[in-house]
Amino acid sequence: MNYKETKLYSVMGNKCPHCHQGNFFEINNPYNLKKFSSMNSRCPVCNEDFRREPGYYFGATYVSYGLTVAFGIALFVLLCGVFNFSAIPFLLIYSILLIALLPLFYRYARLIWINFFVNYKKEEEKKLSTENHI
């Protein structure tokens, strides 16, 4: 399997989960705070609908929670286990990093959530399915 065919490529590259070519979010820079949450309504390449139904991305909050907890545990092990930090410096560093990483966690949560439900379709499979429907 090619890296471009994996869900990891779609999530990390801000790509459509169906064709892995079009962008999911309008801009690639998550730190453009005016537009960090602006999604395309459809894929510009394959026309996959990203808006689904109202409340569809509510499940992404659970993914976001999981990402922040995993990040917190990894940071705790690193700072407190390896570098012997106490609880107060850990909490300060964790809070600052969470605020700084909020745009990334927001985007990754939505991309992971939609990748649970939309599968990648190779170009050859797309052509075969369109030919069979004609």
N, C-alpha and C. Protein backbone atom coordinates (compact mmCIF):
# COMPACT_ATOMS: atom_id res chain seq x y z
N MET A 1 0.84 -1.19 0.00
CA MET A 1 0.00 0.00 0.00
C MET A 1 0.88 1.25 0.00
N ASN A 2 0.54 2.16 -0.83
CA ASN A 2 1.25 3.42 -0.98
C ASN A 2 0.82 4.37 0.14
N TYR A 3 1.73 5.23 0.62
CA TYR A 3 1.41 6.18 1.69
C TYR A 3 0.27 7.10 1.29
N LYS A 4 0.19 7.47 0.01
CA LYS A 4 -0.87 8.35 -0.46
C LYS A 4 -2.24 7.69 -0.42
N GLU A 5 -2.30 6.39 -0.24
CA GLU A 5 -3.56 5.67 -0.19
C GLU A 5 -4.04 5.45 1.24
N THR A 6 -3.31 5.94 2.24
CA THR A 6 -3.67 5.69 3.63
C THR A 6 -4.51 6.82 4.21
N LYS A 7 -5.24 6.50 5.25
CA LYS A 7 -6.02 7.52 5.95
C LYS A 7 -5.11 8.51 6.65
N LEU A 8 -3.93 8.06 7.05
CA LEU A 8 -2.96 8.95 7.68
C LEU A 8 -2.56 10.07 6.73
N TYR A 9 -2.41 9.76 5.46
CA TYR A 9 -2.09 10.78 4.46
C TYR A 9 -3.23 11.81 4.37
N SER A 10 -4.45 11.34 4.39
CA SER A 10 -5.60 12.25 4.32
C SER A 10 -5.65 13.17 5.54
N VAL A 11 -5.43 12.61 6.72
CA VAL A 11 -5.49 13.40 7.96
C VAL A 11 -4.34 14.39 8.04
N MET A 12 -3.14 13.92 7.85
CA MET A 12 -1.97 14.79 8.01
C MET A 12 -1.82 15.79 6.87
N GLY A 13 -2.34 15.48 5.71
CA GLY A 13 -2.18 16.35 4.55
C GLY A 13 -3.37 17.25 4.26
N ASN A 14 -4.41 17.22 5.13
CA ASN A 14 -5.59 18.05 4.91
C ASN A 14 -6.24 17.70 3.56
N LYS A 15 -6.37 16.42 3.29
CA LYS A 15 -6.90 15.97 1.99
C LYS A 15 -8.27 15.33 2.15
N CYS A 16 -8.99 15.32 1.06
CA CYS A 16 -10.30 14.68 0.99
C CYS A 16 -10.14 13.19 1.32
N PRO A 17 -11.00 12.64 2.17
CA PRO A 17 -10.87 11.21 2.51
C PRO A 17 -11.26 10.28 1.37
N HIS A 18 -11.97 10.80 0.39
CA HIS A 18 -12.43 9.97 -0.72
C HIS A 18 -11.42 9.88 -1.86
N CYS A 19 -10.86 11.02 -2.28
CA CYS A 19 -9.94 11.01 -3.43
C CYS A 19 -8.49 11.31 -3.05
N HIS A 20 -8.26 11.82 -1.86
CA HIS A 20 -6.91 12.19 -1.37
C HIS A 20 -6.22 13.23 -2.25
N GLN A 21 -7.01 14.06 -2.93
CA GLN A 21 -6.43 15.10 -3.77
C GLN A 21 -6.87 16.49 -3.35
N GLY A 22 -8.16 16.72 -3.21
CA GLY A 22 -8.66 18.03 -2.84
C GLY A 22 -8.45 18.33 -1.36
N ASN A 23 -8.39 19.59 -1.01
CA ASN A 23 -8.21 19.99 0.38
C ASN A 23 -9.54 19.94 1.14
N PHE A 24 -9.48 19.49 2.38
CA PHE A 24 -10.64 19.43 3.26
C PHE A 24 -10.94 20.81 3.83
N PHE A 25 -9.92 21.48 4.36
CA PHE A 25 -10.07 22.85 4.84
C PHE A 25 -9.66 23.81 3.73
N GLU A 26 -10.23 25.00 3.75
CA GLU A 26 -9.97 25.97 2.68
C GLU A 26 -8.50 26.37 2.58
N ILE A 27 -7.84 26.52 3.71
CA ILE A 27 -6.42 26.90 3.71
C ILE A 27 -5.64 25.85 4.50
N ASN A 28 -4.38 25.67 4.14
CA ASN A 28 -3.56 24.67 4.82
C ASN A 28 -2.98 25.15 6.14
N ASN A 29 -2.89 26.45 6.33
CA ASN A 29 -2.28 26.99 7.55
C ASN A 29 -3.30 27.02 8.69
N PRO A 30 -3.15 26.15 9.70
CA PRO A 30 -4.12 26.14 10.80
C PRO A 30 -3.98 27.35 11.72
N TYR A 31 -2.89 28.10 11.60
CA TYR A 31 -2.67 29.25 12.49
C TYR A 31 -3.10 30.58 11.86
N ASN A 32 -3.81 30.53 10.75
CA ASN A 32 -4.51 31.71 10.24
C ASN A 32 -5.83 31.72 11.00
N LEU A 33 -5.85 32.42 12.13
CA LEU A 33 -6.96 32.29 13.07
C LEU A 33 -8.29 32.79 12.54
N LYS A 34 -8.30 33.57 11.50
CA LYS A 34 -9.56 34.02 10.92
C LYS A 34 -10.22 32.90 10.11
N LYS A 35 -9.43 31.98 9.59
CA LYS A 35 -9.98 30.94 8.71
C LYS A 35 -9.55 29.53 9.10
N PHE A 36 -9.05 29.32 10.33
CA PHE A 36 -8.56 27.99 10.68
C PHE A 36 -9.66 26.94 10.66
N SER A 37 -10.92 27.35 10.86
CA SER A 37 -12.01 26.38 10.90
C SER A 37 -12.83 26.35 9.62
N SER A 38 -12.45 27.11 8.60
CA SER A 38 -13.23 27.18 7.36
C SER A 38 -13.00 25.93 6.51
N MET A 39 -14.05 25.13 6.40
CA MET A 39 -13.99 23.91 5.60
C MET A 39 -14.59 24.17 4.23
N ASN A 40 -14.11 23.44 3.24
CA ASN A 40 -14.78 23.41 1.95
C ASN A 40 -16.09 22.64 2.15
N SER A 41 -17.15 23.05 1.51
CA SER A 41 -18.41 22.32 1.64
C SER A 41 -18.37 21.02 0.83
N ARG A 42 -17.61 21.03 -0.25
CA ARG A 42 -17.43 19.84 -1.09
C ARG A 42 -15.98 19.77 -1.54
N CYS A 43 -15.55 18.58 -1.89
CA CYS A 43 -14.18 18.42 -2.41
C CYS A 43 -14.10 19.07 -3.78
N PRO A 44 -13.09 19.91 -4.00
CA PRO A 44 -12.97 20.55 -5.32
C PRO A 44 -12.59 19.57 -6.43
N VAL A 45 -12.14 18.36 -6.09
CA VAL A 45 -11.72 17.39 -7.10
C VAL A 45 -12.82 16.37 -7.39
N CYS A 46 -13.31 15.68 -6.36
CA CYS A 46 -14.27 14.59 -6.58
C CYS A 46 -15.70 14.93 -6.18
N ASN A 47 -15.92 16.12 -5.62
CA ASN A 47 -17.25 16.60 -5.22
C ASN A 47 -17.84 15.86 -4.03
N GLU A 48 -17.00 15.22 -3.22
CA GLU A 48 -17.47 14.56 -1.99
C GLU A 48 -18.02 15.62 -1.04
N ASP A 49 -19.18 15.33 -0.44
CA ASP A 49 -19.82 16.28 0.47
C ASP A 49 -19.16 16.22 1.84
N PHE A 50 -18.62 17.33 2.30
CA PHE A 50 -17.97 17.40 3.61
C PHE A 50 -18.94 17.87 4.69
N ARG A 51 -20.04 18.46 4.33
CA ARG A 51 -20.96 19.04 5.32
C ARG A 51 -21.92 18.00 5.90
N ARG A 52 -22.12 16.89 5.26
CA ARG A 52 -22.99 15.80 5.72
C ARG A 52 -24.33 16.32 6.23
N GLU A 53 -24.63 16.11 7.52
CA GLU A 53 -25.88 16.60 8.09
C GLU A 53 -25.58 17.41 9.34
N PRO A 54 -26.56 18.17 9.83
CA PRO A 54 -26.32 18.96 11.04
C PRO A 54 -25.91 18.06 12.21
N GLY A 55 -24.89 18.47 12.93
CA GLY A 55 -24.41 17.71 14.08
C GLY A 55 -23.46 16.58 13.74
N TYR A 56 -23.12 16.42 12.47
CA TYR A 56 -22.24 15.32 12.06
C TYR A 56 -20.90 15.37 12.78
N TYR A 57 -20.33 16.54 12.92
CA TYR A 57 -19.00 16.66 13.51
C TYR A 57 -19.02 16.73 15.04
N PHE A 58 -20.19 16.50 15.65
CA PHE A 58 -20.24 16.44 17.10
C PHE A 58 -19.35 15.30 17.62
N GLY A 59 -19.28 14.22 16.87
CA GLY A 59 -18.43 13.09 17.25
C GLY A 59 -16.95 13.45 17.25
N ALA A 60 -16.60 14.48 16.50
CA ALA A 60 -15.20 14.91 16.47
C ALA A 60 -14.75 15.47 17.81
N THR A 61 -15.71 15.89 18.65
CA THR A 61 -15.33 16.37 19.98
C THR A 61 -14.75 15.23 20.81
N TYR A 62 -15.24 14.03 20.62
CA TYR A 62 -14.69 12.87 21.34
C TYR A 62 -13.29 12.55 20.84
N VAL A 63 -13.08 12.69 19.54
CA VAL A 63 -11.75 12.48 18.98
C VAL A 63 -10.79 13.54 19.51
N SER A 64 -11.25 14.78 19.57
CA SER A 64 -10.43 15.87 20.10
C SER A 64 -10.08 15.61 21.56
N TYR A 65 -11.04 15.14 22.33
CA TYR A 65 -10.79 14.80 23.73
C TYR A 65 -9.72 13.72 23.83
N GLY A 66 -9.83 12.70 23.00
CA GLY A 66 -8.83 11.64 23.00
C GLY A 66 -7.44 12.14 22.63
N LEU A 67 -7.38 13.04 21.66
CA LEU A 67 -6.09 13.62 21.27
C LEU A 67 -5.47 14.42 22.41
N THR A 68 -6.28 15.22 23.09
CA THR A 68 -5.73 16.04 24.18
C THR A 68 -5.32 15.19 25.37
N VAL A 69 -6.07 14.14 25.67
CA VAL A 69 -5.70 13.25 26.77
C VAL A 69 -4.41 12.50 26.43
N ALA A 70 -4.31 11.98 25.21
CA ALA A 70 -3.09 11.27 24.80
C ALA A 70 -1.89 12.21 24.83
N PHE A 71 -2.08 13.44 24.37
CA PHE A 71 -1.01 14.43 24.42
C PHE A 71 -0.61 14.72 25.86
N GLY A 72 -1.60 14.86 26.75
CA GLY A 72 -1.32 15.12 28.16
C GLY A 72 -0.56 13.99 28.83
N ILE A 73 -0.94 12.76 28.53
CA ILE A 73 -0.24 11.61 29.11
C ILE A 73 1.19 11.54 28.61
N ALA A 74 1.37 11.72 27.30
CA ALA A 74 2.73 11.69 26.75
C ALA A 74 3.59 12.80 27.33
N LEU A 75 3.02 13.99 27.47
CA LEU A 75 3.77 15.10 28.04
C LEU A 75 4.08 14.86 29.51
N PHE A 76 3.13 14.27 30.24
CA PHE A 76 3.35 13.96 31.65
C PHE A 76 4.50 12.96 31.82
N VAL A 77 4.48 11.91 31.01
CA VAL A 77 5.55 10.91 31.09
C VAL A 77 6.89 11.54 30.76
N LEU A 78 6.89 12.40 29.74
CA LEU A 78 8.15 13.04 29.35
C LEU A 78 8.65 14.00 30.44
N LEU A 79 7.80 14.91 30.89
CA LEU A 79 8.25 15.93 31.83
C LEU A 79 8.42 15.40 33.25
N CYS A 80 7.45 14.66 33.73
CA CYS A 80 7.51 14.20 35.12
C CYS A 80 8.30 12.91 35.28
N GLY A 81 8.22 12.04 34.31
CA GLY A 81 8.93 10.77 34.41
C GLY A 81 10.39 10.88 34.03
N VAL A 82 10.68 11.57 32.97
CA VAL A 82 12.05 11.65 32.47
C VAL A 82 12.81 12.83 33.08
N PHE A 83 12.17 14.01 33.12
CA PHE A 83 12.86 15.22 33.56
C PHE A 83 12.54 15.62 35.00
N ASN A 84 11.76 14.83 35.73
CA ASN A 84 11.43 15.06 37.14
C ASN A 84 10.81 16.42 37.43
N PHE A 85 9.92 16.89 36.56
CA PHE A 85 9.16 18.12 36.82
C PHE A 85 8.11 17.82 37.89
N SER A 86 7.74 18.81 38.65
CA SER A 86 6.64 18.64 39.60
C SER A 86 5.32 18.96 38.88
N ALA A 87 4.22 18.85 39.61
CA ALA A 87 2.89 18.99 39.00
C ALA A 87 2.61 20.41 38.49
N ILE A 88 3.01 21.43 39.23
CA ILE A 88 2.68 22.81 38.85
C ILE A 88 3.35 23.20 37.53
N PRO A 89 4.66 23.00 37.36
CA PRO A 89 5.26 23.33 36.05
C PRO A 89 4.66 22.50 34.91
N PHE A 90 4.35 21.23 35.20
CA PHE A 90 3.72 20.40 34.17
C PHE A 90 2.39 20.99 33.73
N LEU A 91 1.55 21.37 34.70
CA LEU A 91 0.24 21.93 34.37
C LEU A 91 0.36 23.24 33.61
N LEU A 92 1.30 24.07 33.95
CA LEU A 92 1.51 25.32 33.23
C LEU A 92 1.94 25.07 31.79
N ILE A 93 2.90 24.20 31.61
CA ILE A 93 3.39 23.87 30.26
C ILE A 93 2.28 23.21 29.44
N TYR A 94 1.55 22.29 30.06
CA TYR A 94 0.45 21.60 29.38
C TYR A 94 -0.63 22.59 28.94
N SER A 95 -0.99 23.51 29.81
CA SER A 95 -2.02 24.51 29.48
C SER A 95 -1.59 25.40 28.32
N ILE A 96 -0.36 25.85 28.37
CA ILE A 96 0.15 26.72 27.30
C ILE A 96 0.20 25.97 25.97
N LEU A 97 0.69 24.73 26.01
CA LEU A 97 0.77 23.94 24.77
C LEU A 97 -0.62 23.59 24.23
N LEU A 98 -1.59 23.33 25.10
CA LEU A 98 -2.95 23.04 24.63
C LEU A 98 -3.55 24.23 23.90
N ILE A 99 -3.34 25.42 24.44
CA ILE A 99 -3.84 26.62 23.77
C ILE A 99 -3.15 26.81 22.43
N ALA A 100 -1.85 26.57 22.40
CA ALA A 100 -1.09 26.74 21.16
C ALA A 100 -1.47 25.70 20.11
N LEU A 101 -1.81 24.50 20.55
CA LEU A 101 -2.12 23.41 19.61
C LEU A 101 -3.61 23.27 19.30
N LEU A 102 -4.44 24.13 19.86
CA LEU A 102 -5.88 24.06 19.63
C LEU A 102 -6.27 24.01 18.15
N PRO A 103 -5.72 24.87 17.29
CA PRO A 103 -6.11 24.78 15.87
C PRO A 103 -5.75 23.44 15.22
N LEU A 104 -4.62 22.87 15.61
CA LEU A 104 -4.23 21.57 15.06
C LEU A 104 -5.16 20.46 15.55
N PHE A 105 -5.45 20.42 16.84
CA PHE A 105 -6.34 19.40 17.39
C PHE A 105 -7.74 19.51 16.77
N TYR A 106 -8.22 20.72 16.58
CA TYR A 106 -9.53 20.93 15.96
C TYR A 106 -9.57 20.31 14.56
N ARG A 107 -8.57 20.63 13.77
CA ARG A 107 -8.52 20.12 12.40
C ARG A 107 -8.34 18.61 12.35
N TYR A 108 -7.39 18.11 13.14
CA TYR A 108 -7.14 16.67 13.12
C TYR A 108 -8.36 15.89 13.59
N ALA A 109 -9.09 16.41 14.58
CA ALA A 109 -10.27 15.71 15.07
C ALA A 109 -11.32 15.59 13.96
N ARG A 110 -11.54 16.66 13.23
CA ARG A 110 -12.53 16.61 12.14
C ARG A 110 -12.07 15.68 11.01
N LEU A 111 -10.80 15.76 10.66
CA LEU A 111 -10.28 14.90 9.60
C LEU A 111 -10.32 13.42 10.01
N ILE A 112 -9.98 13.13 11.25
CA ILE A 112 -10.04 11.74 11.73
C ILE A 112 -11.49 11.26 11.72
N TRP A 113 -12.40 12.11 12.18
CA TRP A 113 -13.81 11.72 12.25
C TRP A 113 -14.38 11.38 10.88
N ILE A 114 -14.15 12.22 9.88
CA ILE A 114 -14.70 11.93 8.57
C ILE A 114 -14.01 10.73 7.92
N ASN A 115 -12.74 10.49 8.28
CA ASN A 115 -12.04 9.33 7.74
C ASN A 115 -12.55 8.02 8.32
N PHE A 116 -13.25 8.07 9.46
CA PHE A 116 -13.90 6.87 9.99
C PHE A 116 -14.99 6.38 9.04
N PHE A 117 -15.64 7.29 8.36
CA PHE A 117 -16.84 6.97 7.60
C PHE A 117 -16.70 7.03 6.08
N VAL A 118 -15.65 7.65 5.59
CA VAL A 118 -15.45 7.76 4.14
C VAL A 118 -14.19 7.01 3.77
N ASN A 119 -14.30 6.11 2.82
CA ASN A 119 -13.14 5.31 2.39
C ASN A 119 -12.53 5.89 1.13
N TYR A 120 -11.24 5.68 1.02
CA TYR A 120 -10.50 6.10 -0.17
C TYR A 120 -10.85 5.20 -1.34
N LYS A 121 -11.02 5.80 -2.50
CA LYS A 121 -11.30 5.05 -3.71
C LYS A 121 -10.21 5.35 -4.72
N LYS A 122 -9.49 4.32 -5.12
CA LYS A 122 -8.45 4.50 -6.12
C LYS A 122 -9.03 4.97 -7.44
N GLU A 123 -8.19 5.61 -8.24
CA GLU A 123 -8.63 6.16 -9.52
C GLU A 123 -9.21 5.07 -10.43
N GLU A 124 -8.59 3.87 -10.43
CA GLU A 124 -9.09 2.79 -11.28
C GLU A 124 -10.48 2.34 -10.83
N GLU A 125 -10.67 2.27 -9.49
CA GLU A 125 -11.97 1.86 -8.96
C GLU A 125 -13.03 2.91 -9.29
N LYS A 126 -12.66 4.19 -9.26
CA LYS A 126 -13.60 5.26 -9.59
C LYS A 126 -14.07 5.12 -11.03
N LYS A 127 -13.12 4.86 -11.94
CA LYS A 127 -13.46 4.73 -13.35
C LYS A 127 -14.37 3.53 -13.58
N LEU A 128 -14.07 2.38 -12.94
CA LEU A 128 -14.89 1.19 -13.09
C LEU A 128 -16.30 1.41 -12.57
N SER A 129 -16.42 2.09 -11.42
CA SER A 129 -17.75 2.29 -10.85
C SER A 129 -18.57 3.26 -11.72
N THR A 130 -17.94 4.26 -12.32
CA THR A 130 -18.69 5.17 -13.18
C THR A 130 -19.07 4.49 -14.49
N GLU A 131 -18.20 3.60 -15.01
CA GLU A 131 -18.50 2.90 -16.25
C GLU A 131 -19.65 1.92 -16.04
N ASN A 132 -19.71 1.29 -14.86
CA ASN A 132 -20.78 0.32 -14.58
C ASN A 132 -22.13 1.00 -14.40
N HIS A 133 -22.14 2.26 -13.99
CA HIS A 133 -23.40 2.97 -13.78
C HIS A 133 -23.93 3.60 -15.06
N ILE A 134 -23.13 3.64 -16.09
CA ILE A 134 -23.57 4.27 -17.36
C ILE A 134 -24.32 3.32 -18.22
